[in-house]
PDB file of all heavy atoms in Angstrom:
ATOM      1  N   ILE A   1      27.772 -49.154  98.695  1.00  0.00           N
ATOM      2  CA  ILE A   1      26.512 -49.801  98.331  1.00  0.00           C
ATOM      3  C   ILE A   1      26.405 -49.832  96.813  1.00  0.00           C
ATOM      4  O   ILE A   1      26.554 -48.790  96.159  1.00  0.00           O
ATOM      5  CB  ILE A   1      25.303 -49.049  98.919  1.00  0.00           C
ATOM      6  CG1 ILE A   1      25.360 -49.046 100.450  1.00  0.00           C
ATOM      7  CG2 ILE A   1      23.984 -49.680  98.432  1.00  0.00           C
ATOM      8  CD1 ILE A   1      24.326 -48.149 101.100  1.00  0.00           C
ATOM      9  N   VAL A   2      26.195 -51.024  96.256  1.00  0.00           N
ATOM     10  CA  VAL A   2      25.954 -51.179  94.817  1.00  0.00           C
ATOM     11  C   VAL A   2      24.447 -51.320  94.653  1.00  0.00           C
ATOM     12  O   VAL A   2      23.860 -52.319  95.064  1.00  0.00           O
ATOM     13  CB  VAL A   2      26.698 -52.403  94.251  1.00  0.00           C
ATOM     14  CG1 VAL A   2      26.405 -52.559  92.755  1.00  0.00           C
ATOM     15  CG2 VAL A   2      28.204 -52.270  94.486  1.00  0.00           C
ATOM     16  N   LEU A   3      23.830 -50.330  94.049  1.00  0.00           N
ATOM     17  CA  LEU A   3      22.368 -50.205  94.077  1.00  0.00           C
ATOM     18  C   LEU A   3      21.763 -50.269  92.677  1.00  0.00           C
ATOM     19  O   LEU A   3      21.983 -49.376  91.851  1.00  0.00           O
ATOM     20  CB  LEU A   3      22.007 -48.869  94.751  1.00  0.00           C
ATOM     21  CG  LEU A   3      20.536 -48.467  94.816  1.00  0.00           C
ATOM     22  CD1 LEU A   3      19.710 -49.498  95.579  1.00  0.00           C
ATOM     23  CD2 LEU A   3      20.405 -47.088  95.462  1.00  0.00           C
ATOM     24  N   ASP A   4      21.003 -51.330  92.421  1.00  0.00           N
ATOM     25  CA  ASP A   4      20.297 -51.453  91.142  1.00  0.00           C
ATOM     26  C   ASP A   4      19.125 -50.472  91.115  1.00  0.00           C
ATOM     27  O   ASP A   4      18.465 -50.249  92.136  1.00  0.00           O
ATOM     28  CB  ASP A   4      19.789 -52.885  90.968  1.00  0.00           C
ATOM     29  CG  ASP A   4      19.265 -53.143  89.569  1.00  0.00           C
ATOM     30  OD1 ASP A   4      19.923 -52.712  88.606  1.00  0.00           O
ATOM     31  OD2 ASP A   4      18.189 -53.756  89.438  1.00  0.00           O
ATOM     32  N   VAL A   5      18.863 -49.880  89.972  1.00  0.00           N
ATOM     33  CA  VAL A   5      17.772 -48.906  89.868  1.00  0.00           C
ATOM     34  C   VAL A   5      16.417 -49.597  89.813  1.00  0.00           C
ATOM     35  O   VAL A   5      15.467 -49.208  90.487  1.00  0.00           O
ATOM     36  CB  VAL A   5      17.965 -48.008  88.630  1.00  0.00           C
ATOM     37  CG1 VAL A   5      16.710 -47.171  88.365  1.00  0.00           C
ATOM     38  CG2 VAL A   5      19.165 -47.087  88.834  1.00  0.00           C
ATOM     39  N   MET A   6      16.307 -50.641  88.989  1.00  0.00           N
ATOM     40  CA  MET A   6      15.021 -51.313  88.786  1.00  0.00           C
ATOM     41  C   MET A   6      14.802 -52.365  89.865  1.00  0.00           C
ATOM     42  O   MET A   6      15.371 -53.455  89.817  1.00  0.00           O
ATOM     43  CB  MET A   6      14.979 -51.951  87.397  1.00  0.00           C
ATOM     44  CG  MET A   6      15.179 -50.950  86.267  1.00  0.00           C
ATOM     45  SD  MET A   6      13.906 -49.661  86.245  1.00  0.00           S
ATOM     46  CE  MET A   6      12.482 -50.640  85.741  1.00  0.00           C
ATOM     47  N   LEU A   7      13.972 -52.033  90.851  1.00  0.00           N
ATOM     48  CA  LEU A   7      13.669 -52.939  91.951  1.00  0.00           C
ATOM     49  C   LEU A   7      12.163 -53.184  92.011  1.00  0.00           C
ATOM     50  O   LEU A   7      11.382 -52.363  91.524  1.00  0.00           O
ATOM     51  CB  LEU A   7      14.165 -52.346  93.272  1.00  0.00           C
ATOM     52  CG  LEU A   7      15.686 -52.155  93.389  1.00  0.00           C
ATOM     53  CD1 LEU A   7      16.041 -51.353  94.631  1.00  0.00           C
ATOM     54  CD2 LEU A   7      16.397 -53.512  93.401  1.00  0.00           C
ATOM     55  N   PRO A   8      11.718 -54.283  92.633  1.00  0.00           N
ATOM     56  CA  PRO A   8      10.299 -54.639  92.569  1.00  0.00           C
ATOM     57  C   PRO A   8       9.383 -53.765  93.427  1.00  0.00           C
ATOM     58  O   PRO A   8       8.183 -53.729  93.202  1.00  0.00           O
ATOM     59  CB  PRO A   8      10.283 -56.088  93.092  1.00  0.00           C
ATOM     60  CG  PRO A   8      11.504 -56.183  93.955  1.00  0.00           C
ATOM     61  CD  PRO A   8      12.532 -55.311  93.284  1.00  0.00           C
ATOM     62  N   ASP A   9       9.942 -53.076  94.406  1.00  0.00           N
ATOM     63  CA  ASP A   9       9.074 -52.264  95.273  1.00  0.00           C
ATOM     64  C   ASP A   9       9.468 -50.786  95.187  1.00  0.00           C
ATOM     65  O   ASP A   9       8.905 -50.030  94.418  1.00  0.00           O
ATOM     66  CB  ASP A   9       9.134 -52.767  96.722  1.00  0.00           C
ATOM     67  CG  ASP A   9      10.564 -52.996  97.208  1.00  0.00           C
ATOM     68  OD1 ASP A   9      11.504 -52.767  96.438  1.00  0.00           O
ATOM     69  OD2 ASP A   9      10.729 -53.405  98.371  1.00  0.00           O
ATOM     70  N   VAL A  10      10.439 -50.383  95.960  1.00  0.00           N
ATOM     71  CA  VAL A  10      10.942 -49.009  95.919  1.00  0.00           C
ATOM     72  C   VAL A  10      12.110 -48.964  94.941  1.00  0.00           C
ATOM     73  O   VAL A  10      13.048 -49.752  95.068  1.00  0.00           O
ATOM     74  CB  VAL A  10      11.411 -48.568  97.318  1.00  0.00           C
ATOM     75  CG1 VAL A  10      11.832 -47.107  97.307  1.00  0.00           C
ATOM     76  CG2 VAL A  10      10.321 -48.807  98.352  1.00  0.00           C
ATOM     77  N   ASP A  11      12.079 -48.071  93.955  1.00  0.00           N
ATOM     78  CA  ASP A  11      13.171 -48.074  92.972  1.00  0.00           C
ATOM     79  C   ASP A  11      14.457 -47.502  93.590  1.00  0.00           C
ATOM     80  O   ASP A  11      14.463 -46.913  94.672  1.00  0.00           O
ATOM     81  CB  ASP A  11      12.782 -47.347  91.688  1.00  0.00           C
ATOM     82  CG  ASP A  11      12.646 -45.841  91.835  1.00  0.00           C
ATOM     83  OD1 ASP A  11      13.244 -45.249  92.738  1.00  0.00           O
ATOM     84  OD2 ASP A  11      11.918 -45.241  91.013  1.00  0.00           O
ATOM     85  N   GLY A  12      15.554 -47.703  92.869  1.00  0.00           N
ATOM     86  CA  GLY A  12      16.859 -47.302  93.381  1.00  0.00           C
ATOM     87  C   GLY A  12      16.982 -45.816  93.646  1.00  0.00           C
ATOM     88  O   GLY A  12      17.680 -45.406  94.594  1.00  0.00           O
ATOM     89  N   PHE A  13      16.338 -44.991  92.836  1.00  0.00           N
ATOM     90  CA  PHE A  13      16.390 -43.544  93.063  1.00  0.00           C
ATOM     91  C   PHE A  13      15.790 -43.205  94.428  1.00  0.00           C
ATOM     92  O   PHE A  13      16.353 -42.419  95.197  1.00  0.00           O
ATOM     93  CB  PHE A  13      15.618 -42.801  91.972  1.00  0.00           C
ATOM     94  CG  PHE A  13      16.163 -42.991  90.589  1.00  0.00           C
ATOM     95  CD1 PHE A  13      15.358 -43.497  89.571  1.00  0.00           C
ATOM     96  CD2 PHE A  13      17.479 -42.669  90.288  1.00  0.00           C
ATOM     97  CE1 PHE A  13      15.852 -43.676  88.290  1.00  0.00           C
ATOM     98  CE2 PHE A  13      17.984 -42.832  89.012  1.00  0.00           C
ATOM     99  CZ  PHE A  13      17.175 -43.343  88.004  1.00  0.00           C
ATOM    100  N   GLU A  14      14.640 -43.808  94.731  1.00  0.00           N
ATOM    101  CA  GLU A  14      13.969 -43.551  96.000  1.00  0.00           C
ATOM    102  C   GLU A  14      14.786 -44.096  97.174  1.00  0.00           C
ATOM    103  O   GLU A  14      14.886 -43.450  98.228  1.00  0.00           O
ATOM    104  CB  GLU A  14      12.575 -44.175  96.003  1.00  0.00           C
ATOM    105  CG  GLU A  14      11.777 -43.955  97.279  1.00  0.00           C
ATOM    106  CD  GLU A  14      11.351 -42.523  97.484  1.00  0.00           C
ATOM    107  OE1 GLU A  14      11.374 -41.732  96.514  1.00  0.00           O
ATOM    108  OE2 GLU A  14      11.009 -42.182  98.630  1.00  0.00           O
ATOM    109  N   VAL A  15      15.380 -45.277  97.005  1.00  0.00           N
ATOM    110  CA  VAL A  15      16.220 -45.844  98.059  1.00  0.00           C
ATOM    111  C   VAL A  15      17.382 -44.906  98.367  1.00  0.00           C
ATOM    112  O   VAL A  15      17.677 -44.607  99.534  1.00  0.00           O
ATOM    113  CB  VAL A  15      16.751 -47.234  97.650  1.00  0.00           C
ATOM    114  CG1 VAL A  15      17.810 -47.720  98.650  1.00  0.00           C
ATOM    115  CG2 VAL A  15      15.611 -48.238  97.576  1.00  0.00           C
ATOM    116  N   CYS A  16      18.047 -44.444  97.326  1.00  0.00           N
ATOM    117  CA  CYS A  16      19.187 -43.544  97.504  1.00  0.00           C
ATOM    118  C   CYS A  16      18.764 -42.269  98.222  1.00  0.00           C
ATOM    119  O   CYS A  16      19.409 -41.825  99.187  1.00  0.00           O
ATOM    120  CB  CYS A  16      19.793 -43.213  96.142  1.00  0.00           C
ATOM    121  SG  CYS A  16      21.263 -42.167  96.233  1.00  0.00           S
ATOM    122  N   GLU A  17      17.666 -41.686  97.789  1.00  0.00           N
ATOM    123  CA  GLU A  17      17.191 -40.451  98.398  1.00  0.00           C
ATOM    124  C   GLU A  17      16.822 -40.663  99.861  1.00  0.00           C
ATOM    125  O   GLU A  17      17.158 -39.842 100.726  1.00  0.00           O
ATOM    126  CB  GLU A  17      15.994 -39.913  97.615  1.00  0.00           C
ATOM    127  CG  GLU A  17      15.528 -38.536  98.074  1.00  0.00           C
ATOM    128  CD  GLU A  17      14.489 -37.948  97.146  1.00  0.00           C
ATOM    129  OE1 GLU A  17      13.816 -38.708  96.420  1.00  0.00           O
ATOM    130  OE2 GLU A  17      14.350 -36.715  97.148  1.00  0.00           O
ATOM    131  N   GLN A  18      16.143 -41.771 100.160  1.00  0.00           N
ATOM    132  CA  GLN A  18      15.738 -42.049 101.539  1.00  0.00           C
ATOM    133  C   GLN A  18      16.947 -42.290 102.441  1.00  0.00           C
ATOM    134  O   GLN A  18      16.953 -41.866 103.605  1.00  0.00           O
ATOM    135  CB  GLN A  18      14.799 -43.257 101.582  1.00  0.00           C
ATOM    136  CG  GLN A  18      13.410 -43.005 101.008  1.00  0.00           C
ATOM    137  CD  GLN A  18      12.686 -41.892 101.753  1.00  0.00           C
ATOM    138  OE1 GLN A  18      12.699 -41.835 102.980  1.00  0.00           O
ATOM    139  NE2 GLN A  18      12.050 -41.000 101.001  1.00  0.00           N
ATOM    140  N   LEU A  19      17.967 -42.941 101.930  1.00  0.00           N
ATOM    141  CA  LEU A  19      19.169 -43.161 102.729  1.00  0.00           C
ATOM    142  C   LEU A  19      19.863 -41.847 103.054  1.00  0.00           C
ATOM    143  O   LEU A  19      20.331 -41.632 104.185  1.00  0.00           O
ATOM    144  CB  LEU A  19      20.138 -44.096 101.992  1.00  0.00           C
ATOM    145  CG  LEU A  19      19.721 -45.563 101.922  1.00  0.00           C
ATOM    146  CD1 LEU A  19      20.712 -46.358 101.084  1.00  0.00           C
ATOM    147  CD2 LEU A  19      19.610 -46.167 103.324  1.00  0.00           C
ATOM    148  N   ARG A  20      19.927 -40.959 102.080  1.00  0.00           N
ATOM    149  CA  ARG A  20      20.563 -39.661 102.345  1.00  0.00           C
ATOM    150  C   ARG A  20      19.741 -38.839 103.338  1.00  0.00           C
ATOM    151  O   ARG A  20      20.297 -38.165 104.215  1.00  0.00           O
ATOM    152  CB  ARG A  20      20.762 -38.884 101.046  1.00  0.00           C
ATOM    153  CG  ARG A  20      21.718 -39.524 100.035  1.00  0.00           C
ATOM    154  CD  ARG A  20      23.002 -40.005 100.670  1.00  0.00           C
ATOM    155  NE  ARG A  20      23.994 -40.436  99.698  1.00  0.00           N
ATOM    156  CZ  ARG A  20      24.853 -41.410  99.889  1.00  0.00           C
ATOM    157  NH1 ARG A  20      24.835 -42.086 101.027  1.00  0.00           N
ATOM    158  NH2 ARG A  20      25.749 -41.732  98.976  1.00  0.00           N
ATOM    159  N   LEU A  21      18.422 -38.915 103.233  1.00  0.00           N
ATOM    160  CA  LEU A  21      17.572 -38.206 104.190  1.00  0.00           C
ATOM    161  C   LEU A  21      17.743 -38.786 105.597  1.00  0.00           C
ATOM    162  O   LEU A  21      17.605 -38.069 106.596  1.00  0.00           O
ATOM    163  CB  LEU A  21      16.106 -38.286 103.766  1.00  0.00           C
ATOM    164  CG  LEU A  21      15.712 -37.452 102.539  1.00  0.00           C
ATOM    165  CD1 LEU A  21      14.284 -37.756 102.121  1.00  0.00           C
ATOM    166  CD2 LEU A  21      15.880 -35.952 102.829  1.00  0.00           C
ATOM    167  N   ALA A  22      18.049 -40.082 105.664  1.00  0.00           N
ATOM    168  CA  ALA A  22      18.288 -40.739 106.956  1.00  0.00           C
ATOM    169  C   ALA A  22      19.735 -40.545 107.423  1.00  0.00           C
ATOM    170  O   ALA A  22      20.142 -41.137 108.424  1.00  0.00           O
ATOM    171  CB  ALA A  22      17.976 -42.230 106.849  1.00  0.00           C
ATOM    172  N   ARG A  23      20.499 -39.726 106.688  1.00  0.00           N
ATOM    173  CA  ARG A  23      21.884 -39.393 107.023  1.00  0.00           C
ATOM    174  C   ARG A  23      22.807 -40.612 106.961  1.00  0.00           C
ATOM    175  O   ARG A  23      23.745 -40.760 107.740  1.00  0.00           O
ATOM    176  CB  ARG A  23      21.983 -38.697 108.379  1.00  0.00           C
ATOM    177  CG  ARG A  23      21.098 -37.462 108.491  1.00  0.00           C
ATOM    178  CD  ARG A  23      21.336 -36.680 109.750  1.00  0.00           C
ATOM    179  NE  ARG A  23      22.632 -36.006 109.741  1.00  0.00           N
ATOM    180  CZ  ARG A  23      22.896 -34.893 109.061  1.00  0.00           C
ATOM    181  NH1 ARG A  23      21.959 -34.311 108.320  1.00  0.00           N
ATOM    182  NH2 ARG A  23      24.086 -34.343 109.117  1.00  0.00           N
ATOM    183  N   VAL A  24      22.533 -41.488 106.014  1.00  0.00           N
ATOM    184  CA  VAL A  24      23.445 -42.594 105.691  1.00  0.00           C
ATOM    185  C   VAL A  24      24.311 -42.116 104.528  1.00  0.00           C
ATOM    186  O   VAL A  24      23.821 -41.942 103.409  1.00  0.00           O
ATOM    187  CB  VAL A  24      22.671 -43.867 105.299  1.00  0.00           C
ATOM    188  CG1 VAL A  24      23.647 -44.966 104.864  1.00  0.00           C
ATOM    189  CG2 VAL A  24      21.821 -44.346 106.465  1.00  0.00           C
ATOM    190  N   TRP A  25      25.596 -41.916 104.782  1.00  0.00           N
ATOM    191  CA  TRP A  25      26.482 -41.304 103.773  1.00  0.00           C
ATOM    192  C   TRP A  25      27.391 -42.313 103.093  1.00  0.00           C
ATOM    193  O   TRP A  25      28.347 -41.933 102.414  1.00  0.00           O
ATOM    194  CB  TRP A  25      27.322 -40.202 104.424  1.00  0.00           C
ATOM    195  CG  TRP A  25      26.503 -39.219 105.192  1.00  0.00           C
ATOM    196  CD1 TRP A  25      26.556 -38.955 106.520  1.00  0.00           C
ATOM    197  CD2 TRP A  25      25.478 -38.354 104.674  1.00  0.00           C
ATOM    198  NE1 TRP A  25      25.644 -37.998 106.861  1.00  0.00           N
ATOM    199  CE2 TRP A  25      24.966 -37.613 105.756  1.00  0.00           C
ATOM    200  CE3 TRP A  25      24.932 -38.155 103.400  1.00  0.00           C
ATOM    201  CZ2 TRP A  25      23.935 -36.680 105.604  1.00  0.00           C
ATOM    202  CZ3 TRP A  25      23.908 -37.224 103.249  1.00  0.00           C
ATOM    203  CH2 TRP A  25      23.429 -36.497 104.338  1.00  0.00           C
ATOM    204  N   THR A  26      27.125 -43.602 103.265  1.00  0.00           N
ATOM    205  CA  THR A  26      27.908 -44.630 102.581  1.00  0.00           C
ATOM    206  C   THR A  26      27.918 -44.355 101.075  1.00  0.00           C
ATOM    207  O   THR A  26      26.861 -44.108 100.493  1.00  0.00           O
ATOM    208  CB  THR A  26      27.297 -46.021 102.828  1.00  0.00           C
ATOM    209  OG1 THR A  26      27.146 -46.219 104.229  1.00  0.00           O
ATOM    210  CG2 THR A  26      28.175 -47.106 102.236  1.00  0.00           C
ATOM    211  N   PRO A  27      29.089 -44.388 100.423  1.00  0.00           N
ATOM    212  CA  PRO A  27      29.125 -44.168  98.972  1.00  0.00           C
ATOM    213  C   PRO A  27      28.230 -45.153  98.229  1.00  0.00           C
ATOM    214  O   PRO A  27      28.172 -46.335  98.582  1.00  0.00           O
ATOM    215  CB  PRO A  27      30.602 -44.383  98.616  1.00  0.00           C
ATOM    216  CG  PRO A  27      31.335 -44.081  99.881  1.00  0.00           C
ATOM    217  CD  PRO A  27      30.435 -44.543 100.996  1.00  0.00           C
ATOM    218  N   ILE A  28      27.540 -44.656  97.211  1.00  0.00           N
ATOM    219  CA  ILE A  28      26.590 -45.470  96.444  1.00  0.00           C
ATOM    220  C   ILE A  28      26.948 -45.457  94.961  1.00  0.00           C
ATOM    221  O   ILE A  28      27.133 -44.389  94.373  1.00  0.00           O
ATOM    222  CB  ILE A  28      25.146 -44.953  96.630  1.00  0.00           C
ATOM    223  CG1 ILE A  28      24.687 -45.152  98.078  1.00  0.00           C
ATOM    224  CG2 ILE A  28      24.183 -45.663  95.669  1.00  0.00           C
ATOM    225  CD1 ILE A  28      23.321 -44.559  98.377  1.00  0.00           C
ATOM    226  N   ILE A  29      27.046 -46.674  94.396  1.00  0.00           N
ATOM    227  CA  ILE A  29      27.150 -46.827  92.939  1.00  0.00           C
ATOM    228  C   ILE A  29      25.793 -47.293  92.441  1.00  0.00           C
ATOM    229  O   ILE A  29      25.316 -48.355  92.835  1.00  0.00           O
ATOM    230  CB  ILE A  29      28.212 -47.857  92.534  1.00  0.00           C
ATOM    231  CG1 ILE A  29      29.603 -47.475  93.036  1.00  0.00           C
ATOM    232  CG2 ILE A  29      28.249 -48.015  91.007  1.00  0.00           C
ATOM    233  CD1 ILE A  29      30.679 -48.498  92.704  1.00  0.00           C
ATOM    234  N   MET A  30      25.161 -46.522  91.579  1.00  0.00           N
ATOM    235  CA  MET A  30      23.888 -46.934  90.996  1.00  0.00           C
ATOM    236  C   MET A  30      24.163 -47.730  89.732  1.00  0.00           C
ATOM    237  O   MET A  30      24.997 -47.341  88.906  1.00  0.00           O
ATOM    238  CB  MET A  30      23.008 -45.720  90.703  1.00  0.00           C
ATOM    239  CG  MET A  30      22.672 -44.907  91.933  1.00  0.00           C
ATOM    240  SD  MET A  30      21.199 -43.879  91.759  1.00  0.00           S
ATOM    241  CE  MET A  30      19.917 -45.105  91.998  1.00  0.00           C
ATOM    242  N   VAL A  31      23.466 -48.856  89.589  1.00  0.00           N
ATOM    243  CA  VAL A  31      23.675 -49.762  88.450  1.00  0.00           C
ATOM    244  C   VAL A  31      22.350 -49.944  87.727  1.00  0.00           C
ATOM    245  O   VAL A  31      21.320 -50.217  88.354  1.00  0.00           O
ATOM    246  CB  VAL A  31      24.203 -51.134  88.921  1.00  0.00           C
ATOM    247  CG1 VAL A  31      24.386 -52.065  87.733  1.00  0.00           C
ATOM    248  CG2 VAL A  31      25.508 -50.970  89.681  1.00  0.00           C
ATOM    249  N   THR A  32      22.368 -49.812  86.398  1.00  0.00           N
ATOM    250  CA  THR A  32      21.132 -49.967  85.638  1.00  0.00           C
ATOM    251  C   THR A  32      21.429 -50.269  84.176  1.00  0.00           C
ATOM    252  O   THR A  32      22.517 -49.966  83.673  1.00  0.00           O
ATOM    253  CB  THR A  32      20.270 -48.689  85.714  1.00  0.00           C
ATOM    254  OG1 THR A  32      19.065 -48.884  84.997  1.00  0.00           O
ATOM    255  CG2 THR A  32      21.004 -47.501  85.138  1.00  0.00           C
ATOM    256  N   ALA A  33      20.463 -50.890  83.508  1.00  0.00           N
ATOM    257  CA  ALA A  33      20.567 -51.111  82.072  1.00  0.00           C
ATOM    258  C   ALA A  33      20.141 -49.863  81.310  1.00  0.00           C
ATOM    259  O   ALA A  33      20.346 -49.762  80.104  1.00  0.00           O
ATOM    260  CB  ALA A  33      19.705 -52.299  81.661  1.00  0.00           C
ATOM    261  N   ARG A  34      19.527 -48.912  82.035  1.00  0.00           N
ATOM    262  CA  ARG A  34      19.069 -47.672  81.400  1.00  0.00           C
ATOM    263  C   ARG A  34      20.231 -46.695  81.351  1.00  0.00           C
ATOM    264  O   ARG A  34      20.802 -46.329  82.370  1.00  0.00           O
ATOM    265  CB  ARG A  34      17.918 -47.072  82.214  1.00  0.00           C
ATOM    266  CG  ARG A  34      16.663 -47.926  82.180  1.00  0.00           C
ATOM    267  CD  ARG A  34      15.751 -47.720  83.367  1.00  0.00           C
ATOM    268  NE  ARG A  34      15.461 -46.329  83.665  1.00  0.00           N
ATOM    269  CZ  ARG A  34      14.560 -45.953  84.578  1.00  0.00           C
ATOM    270  NH1 ARG A  34      13.877 -46.861  85.254  1.00  0.00           N
ATOM    271  NH2 ARG A  34      14.341 -44.685  84.806  1.00  0.00           N
ATOM    272  N   ASP A  35      20.611 -46.311  80.126  1.00  0.00           N
ATOM    273  CA  ASP A  35      21.783 -45.440  79.992  1.00  0.00           C
ATOM    274  C   ASP A  35      21.414 -44.024  79.572  1.00  0.00           C
ATOM    275  O   ASP A  35      22.261 -43.263  79.115  1.00  0.00           O
ATOM    276  CB  ASP A  35      22.786 -46.029  78.996  1.00  0.00           C
ATOM    277  CG  ASP A  35      22.207 -46.177  77.595  1.00  0.00           C
ATOM    278  OD1 ASP A  35      20.993 -45.928  77.432  1.00  0.00           O
ATOM    279  OD2 ASP A  35      22.965 -46.539  76.679  1.00  0.00           O
ATOM    280  N   ALA A  36      20.151 -43.639  79.747  1.00  0.00           N
ATOM    281  CA  ALA A  36      19.738 -42.287  79.381  1.00  0.00           C
ATOM    282  C   ALA A  36      20.431 -41.276  80.277  1.00  0.00           C
ATOM    283  O   ALA A  36      20.606 -41.492  81.479  1.00  0.00           O
ATOM    284  CB  ALA A  36      18.223 -42.147  79.499  1.00  0.00           C
ATOM    285  N   VAL A  37      20.829 -40.167  79.681  1.00  0.00           N
ATOM    286  CA  VAL A  37      21.509 -39.117  80.444  1.00  0.00           C
ATOM    287  C   VAL A  37      20.629 -38.628  81.588  1.00  0.00           C
ATOM    288  O   VAL A  37      21.105 -38.381  82.701  1.00  0.00           O
ATOM    289  CB  VAL A  37      21.896 -37.947  79.520  1.00  0.00           C
ATOM    290  CG1 VAL A  37      22.433 -36.772  80.327  1.00  0.00           C
ATOM    291  CG2 VAL A  37      22.936 -38.406  78.505  1.00  0.00           C
ATOM    292  N   ALA A  38      19.327 -38.511  81.338  1.00  0.00           N
ATOM    293  CA  ALA A  38      18.409 -38.020  82.372  1.00  0.00           C
ATOM    294  C   ALA A  38      18.423 -38.930  83.594  1.00  0.00           C
ATOM    295  O   ALA A  38      18.336 -38.457  84.739  1.00  0.00           O
ATOM    296  CB  ALA A  38      16.993 -37.912  81.813  1.00  0.00           C
ATOM    297  N   ASP A  39      18.540 -40.247  83.391  1.00  0.00           N
ATOM    298  CA  ASP A  39      18.598 -41.181  84.513  1.00  0.00           C
ATOM    299  C   ASP A  39      19.887 -41.007  85.306  1.00  0.00           C
ATOM    300  O   ASP A  39      19.884 -41.047  86.543  1.00  0.00           O
ATOM    301  CB  ASP A  39      18.499 -42.625  84.017  1.00  0.00           C
ATOM    302  CG  ASP A  39      17.099 -42.970  83.527  1.00  0.00           C
ATOM    303  OD1 ASP A  39      16.136 -42.363  84.025  1.00  0.00           O
ATOM    304  OD2 ASP A  39      16.976 -43.834  82.644  1.00  0.00           O
ATOM    305  N   ARG A  40      20.992 -40.820  84.603  1.00  0.00           N
ATOM    306  CA  ARG A  40      22.265 -40.627  85.302  1.00  0.00           C
ATOM    307  C   ARG A  40      22.229 -39.338  86.116  1.00  0.00           C
ATOM    308  O   ARG A  40      22.696 -39.300  87.258  1.00  0.00           O
ATOM    309  CB  ARG A  40      23.420 -40.600  84.298  1.00  0.00           C
ATOM    310  CG  ARG A  40      23.623 -41.932  83.582  1.00  0.00           C
ATOM    311  CD  ARG A  40      25.003 -42.030  82.965  1.00  0.00           C
ATOM    312  NE  ARG A  40      25.230 -41.041  81.918  1.00  0.00           N
ATOM    313  CZ  ARG A  40      24.921 -41.221  80.640  1.00  0.00           C
ATOM    314  NH1 ARG A  40      24.327 -42.348  80.256  1.00  0.00           N
ATOM    315  NH2 ARG A  40      25.180 -40.286  79.754  1.00  0.00           N
TER     316      ARG A  40
END
C-alpha cells in the first residue's frame, strides 16, 4: 500500500494505525511532502 499522509478526511497516520488494528499486515509505504523527523 502506497499511502499519502495528507488526506481530506482521515490522515495517513490514522489509516495506517486503523489497518494494523484491523490486522491488515500488508506492507505500507507512507508518502508525504513533510520531511520532519517527527513525522517519519
